[in-house]
Amino acid sequence: MNWKKRKSKTKMVLQVHDELLFDAHKDEVDELRPMIKELMETALPLDVPIVVDTGIGINWLDAH
C-alpha cells in the first residue's frame, strides 16, 4: 500500500541523519514496521544494499 494514501494514526515526528522516529499507534506497528523498512531500503536506486534496522520502545533509548 502507498504510504501517502494510507489513513494512519502513526506519524513521523523526527529525522536525525539516517534515522527516522515515529509516534506509532500500537494497532499499526505490526503492519507499518515492515512497510517503513522497505521504503527506507529502496528510497534510492543504489548498487550496494541498504540495510535498515528497526526498534520499538516507549522512548528513543528503549527502541535501541
N, C-alpha and C. Protein backbone atom coordinates (compact mmCIF):
# COMPACT_ATOMS: atom_id res chain seq x y z
N MET A 1 0.84 -1.18 0.00
CA MET A 1 0.00 0.00 0.00
C MET A 1 0.88 1.25 0.00
N ASN A 2 0.44 2.23 -0.69
CA ASN A 2 1.15 3.50 -0.76
C ASN A 2 1.04 4.23 0.58
N TRP A 3 2.18 4.62 1.13
CA TRP A 3 2.23 5.28 2.44
C TRP A 3 1.39 6.56 2.46
N LYS A 4 1.47 7.35 1.41
CA LYS A 4 0.74 8.63 1.38
C LYS A 4 -0.77 8.44 1.32
N LYS A 5 -1.23 7.38 0.70
CA LYS A 5 -2.66 7.14 0.56
C LYS A 5 -3.26 6.47 1.79
N ARG A 6 -2.43 5.94 2.65
CA ARG A 6 -2.90 5.22 3.83
C ARG A 6 -3.40 6.21 4.88
N LYS A 7 -4.53 5.93 5.44
CA LYS A 7 -5.06 6.71 6.56
C LYS A 7 -4.46 6.12 7.83
N SER A 8 -3.47 6.78 8.39
CA SER A 8 -2.74 6.22 9.52
C SER A 8 -2.76 7.17 10.72
N LYS A 9 -2.82 6.57 11.91
CA LYS A 9 -2.69 7.34 13.14
C LYS A 9 -1.22 7.57 13.47
N THR A 10 -0.35 6.77 12.87
CA THR A 10 1.09 6.87 13.10
C THR A 10 1.65 8.04 12.29
N LYS A 11 2.53 8.79 12.93
CA LYS A 11 3.14 9.96 12.27
C LYS A 11 4.65 9.96 12.47
N MET A 12 5.39 10.34 11.43
CA MET A 12 6.83 10.53 11.58
C MET A 12 7.04 11.87 12.27
N VAL A 13 7.80 11.86 13.36
CA VAL A 13 7.97 13.08 14.13
C VAL A 13 9.38 13.66 14.05
N LEU A 14 10.37 12.86 13.63
CA LEU A 14 11.74 13.36 13.63
C LEU A 14 12.62 12.58 12.68
N GLN A 15 13.53 13.28 12.02
CA GLN A 15 14.57 12.66 11.22
C GLN A 15 15.90 13.20 11.71
N VAL A 16 16.80 12.30 12.08
CA VAL A 16 18.13 12.69 12.51
C VAL A 16 19.12 11.85 11.72
N HIS A 17 19.87 12.50 10.83
CA HIS A 17 20.84 11.83 9.95
C HIS A 17 20.17 10.68 9.21
N ASP A 18 20.51 9.44 9.57
CA ASP A 18 19.97 8.27 8.86
C ASP A 18 18.88 7.56 9.68
N GLU A 19 18.27 8.28 10.57
CA GLU A 19 17.29 7.66 11.46
C GLU A 19 15.96 8.41 11.40
N LEU A 20 14.88 7.64 11.46
CA LEU A 20 13.54 8.22 11.49
C LEU A 20 12.87 7.81 12.79
N LEU A 21 12.14 8.74 13.39
CA LEU A 21 11.42 8.48 14.63
C LEU A 21 9.93 8.67 14.37
N PHE A 22 9.16 7.66 14.74
CA PHE A 22 7.72 7.68 14.53
C PHE A 22 6.99 7.64 15.86
N ASP A 23 5.89 8.35 15.94
CA ASP A 23 4.94 8.20 17.03
C ASP A 23 3.91 7.21 16.50
N ALA A 24 4.08 5.95 16.88
CA ALA A 24 3.31 4.87 16.28
C ALA A 24 2.15 4.45 17.16
N HIS A 25 1.01 4.29 16.55
CA HIS A 25 -0.16 3.76 17.24
C HIS A 25 0.04 2.25 17.39
N LYS A 26 -0.22 1.71 18.58
CA LYS A 26 0.03 0.28 18.86
C LYS A 26 -0.65 -0.65 17.87
N ASP A 27 -1.84 -0.30 17.41
CA ASP A 27 -2.57 -1.17 16.48
C ASP A 27 -1.94 -1.21 15.09
N GLU A 28 -1.04 -0.29 14.79
CA GLU A 28 -0.47 -0.19 13.43
C GLU A 28 0.98 -0.67 13.34
N VAL A 29 1.62 -0.94 14.46
CA VAL A 29 3.05 -1.25 14.46
C VAL A 29 3.38 -2.46 13.59
N ASP A 30 2.66 -3.56 13.77
CA ASP A 30 2.98 -4.79 13.03
C ASP A 30 2.86 -4.61 11.52
N GLU A 31 1.92 -3.80 11.08
CA GLU A 31 1.74 -3.57 9.64
C GLU A 31 2.74 -2.54 9.10
N LEU A 32 2.98 -1.48 9.86
CA LEU A 32 3.81 -0.39 9.36
C LEU A 32 5.30 -0.65 9.44
N ARG A 33 5.74 -1.41 10.42
CA ARG A 33 7.18 -1.65 10.60
C ARG A 33 7.84 -2.21 9.33
N PRO A 34 7.33 -3.29 8.74
CA PRO A 34 7.97 -3.78 7.50
C PRO A 34 7.80 -2.81 6.32
N MET A 35 6.70 -2.07 6.29
CA MET A 35 6.47 -1.10 5.22
C MET A 35 7.50 0.02 5.28
N ILE A 36 7.75 0.55 6.46
CA ILE A 36 8.73 1.62 6.63
C ILE A 36 10.12 1.12 6.30
N LYS A 37 10.45 -0.10 6.75
CA LYS A 37 11.75 -0.70 6.47
C LYS A 37 11.98 -0.80 4.96
N GLU A 38 10.99 -1.30 4.24
CA GLU A 38 11.12 -1.43 2.78
C GLU A 38 11.26 -0.07 2.10
N LEU A 39 10.47 0.90 2.53
CA LEU A 39 10.56 2.24 1.94
C LEU A 39 11.95 2.84 2.15
N MET A 40 12.52 2.64 3.32
CA MET A 40 13.85 3.19 3.60
C MET A 40 14.93 2.46 2.79
N GLU A 41 14.80 1.15 2.65
CA GLU A 41 15.81 0.37 1.95
C GLU A 41 15.78 0.58 0.45
N THR A 42 14.66 1.04 -0.09
CA THR A 42 14.53 1.20 -1.54
C THR A 42 14.34 2.65 -1.95
N ALA A 43 14.64 3.59 -1.06
CA ALA A 43 14.42 5.01 -1.34
C ALA A 43 15.27 5.51 -2.50
N LEU A 44 16.47 4.97 -2.65
CA LEU A 44 17.37 5.39 -3.72
C LEU A 44 17.85 4.17 -4.50
N PRO A 45 17.97 4.29 -5.82
CA PRO A 45 18.49 3.16 -6.60
C PRO A 45 20.03 3.11 -6.49
N LEU A 46 20.53 2.24 -5.63
CA LEU A 46 21.97 2.12 -5.41
C LEU A 46 22.44 0.73 -5.78
N ASP A 47 23.74 0.61 -6.09
CA ASP A 47 24.31 -0.69 -6.42
C ASP A 47 24.69 -1.50 -5.19
N VAL A 48 24.70 -0.87 -4.05
CA VAL A 48 25.00 -1.56 -2.79
C VAL A 48 23.71 -1.69 -1.98
N PRO A 49 23.61 -2.77 -1.21
CA PRO A 49 22.40 -2.94 -0.41
C PRO A 49 22.35 -1.95 0.76
N ILE A 50 21.18 -1.46 1.04
CA ILE A 50 20.94 -0.63 2.21
C ILE A 50 20.18 -1.49 3.22
N VAL A 51 20.76 -1.66 4.40
CA VAL A 51 20.14 -2.49 5.43
C VAL A 51 19.60 -1.58 6.52
N VAL A 52 18.33 -1.75 6.85
CA VAL A 52 17.66 -0.92 7.85
C VAL A 52 17.31 -1.79 9.05
N ASP A 53 17.70 -1.34 10.23
CA ASP A 53 17.31 -1.98 11.48
C ASP A 53 16.18 -1.17 12.09
N THR A 54 15.27 -1.85 12.76
CA THR A 54 14.17 -1.15 13.41
C THR A 54 14.14 -1.52 14.88
N GLY A 55 13.58 -0.64 15.67
CA GLY A 55 13.41 -0.90 17.08
C GLY A 55 12.13 -0.26 17.56
N ILE A 56 11.60 -0.79 18.65
CA ILE A 56 10.36 -0.28 19.21
C ILE A 56 10.57 -0.05 20.70
N GLY A 57 10.09 1.07 21.18
CA GLY A 57 10.17 1.35 22.61
C GLY A 57 9.31 2.56 22.94
N ILE A 58 9.10 2.75 24.23
CA ILE A 58 8.28 3.91 24.63
C ILE A 58 9.07 5.20 24.56
N ASN A 59 10.40 5.08 24.38
CA ASN A 59 11.23 6.26 24.17
C ASN A 59 12.39 5.87 23.27
N TRP A 60 13.20 6.84 22.88
CA TRP A 60 14.29 6.60 21.92
C TRP A 60 15.29 5.58 22.47
N LEU A 61 15.66 5.67 23.74
CA LEU A 61 16.63 4.77 24.33
C LEU A 61 16.13 3.32 24.33
N ASP A 62 14.88 3.11 24.69
CA ASP A 62 14.32 1.76 24.71
C ASP A 62 14.24 1.17 23.30
N ALA A 63 14.09 1.98 22.30
CA ALA A 63 14.00 1.49 20.91
C ALA A 63 15.34 1.01 20.37
N HIS A 64 16.41 1.37 21.05
CA HIS A 64 17.74 0.95 20.61
C HIS A 64 18.18 -0.22 21.45
